[in-house]
Amino acid sequence: MELFYTIFMVIIFIVAIMLSYKTLQFTKTMWKFKNRKKDGSEDKDFKYFD
């Protein structure tokens, strides 16, 4: 039972790390979107959501 609990905790930890990474990626993209050029011209480094 203790082995099952340890494996379960490791899986939960890995999922939490992956979610944190995706959240940081999304935040970076939203930051770029918020700070894009106001005159409507396209930014070279900005890619739209796929």
Protein backbone atom coordinates (compact mmCIF):
# COMPACT_ATOMS: atom_id res chain seq x y z
CA MET A 1 0.00 0.00 0.00
CA GLU A 2 2.84 2.37 0.80
CA LEU A 3 4.44 1.65 -2.60
CA PHE A 4 1.16 2.48 -4.35
CA TYR A 5 0.94 5.76 -2.42
CA THR A 6 4.53 6.70 -3.36
CA ILE A 7 3.95 5.98 -7.06
CA PHE A 8 0.71 7.97 -6.96
CA MET A 9 2.48 10.97 -5.38
CA VAL A 10 5.24 10.86 -8.02
CA ILE A 11 2.62 10.88 -10.80
CA ILE A 12 0.79 13.81 -9.18
CA PHE A 13 4.10 15.70 -8.87
CA ILE A 14 4.92 15.17 -12.57
CA VAL A 15 1.44 16.36 -13.60
CA ALA A 16 1.82 19.47 -11.43
CA ILE A 17 5.19 20.28 -13.03
CA MET A 18 3.72 19.89 -16.54
CA LEU A 19 0.75 22.12 -15.70
CA SER A 20 3.05 24.79 -14.25
CA TYR A 21 5.15 24.75 -17.43
CA LYS A 22 2.07 25.08 -19.67
CA THR A 23 0.75 27.92 -17.51
CA LEU A 24 4.04 29.81 -17.86
CA GLN A 25 4.00 29.29 -21.64
CA PHE A 26 0.42 30.59 -21.86
CA THR A 27 1.23 33.58 -19.63
CA LYS A 28 4.20 34.48 -21.85
CA THR A 29 2.02 34.28 -24.97
CA MET A 30 -0.71 36.41 -23.38
CA TRP A 31 1.89 38.96 -22.28
CA LYS A 32 3.12 39.25 -25.87
CA PHE A 33 -0.48 39.55 -27.09
CA LYS A 34 -1.25 42.28 -24.55
CA ASN A 35 1.88 44.25 -25.44
CA ARG A 36 1.64 43.92 -29.22
CA LYS A 37 1.83 46.96 -31.45
CA LYS A 38 -1.16 49.26 -31.12
CA ASP A 39 -1.19 50.43 -34.76
CA GLY A 40 -2.38 47.05 -36.05
CA SER A 41 0.83 46.07 -37.82
CA GLU A 42 2.02 42.53 -37.39
CA ASP A 43 4.82 41.60 -35.03
CA LYS A 44 7.47 39.37 -36.56
CA ASP A 45 7.89 37.13 -33.50
CA PHE A 46 4.20 36.77 -32.65
CA LYS A 47 2.46 33.59 -33.73
CA TYR A 48 -1.27 33.16 -33.48
CA PHE A 49 -2.84 30.39 -31.41
CA ASP A 50 -2.86 27.04 -33.18
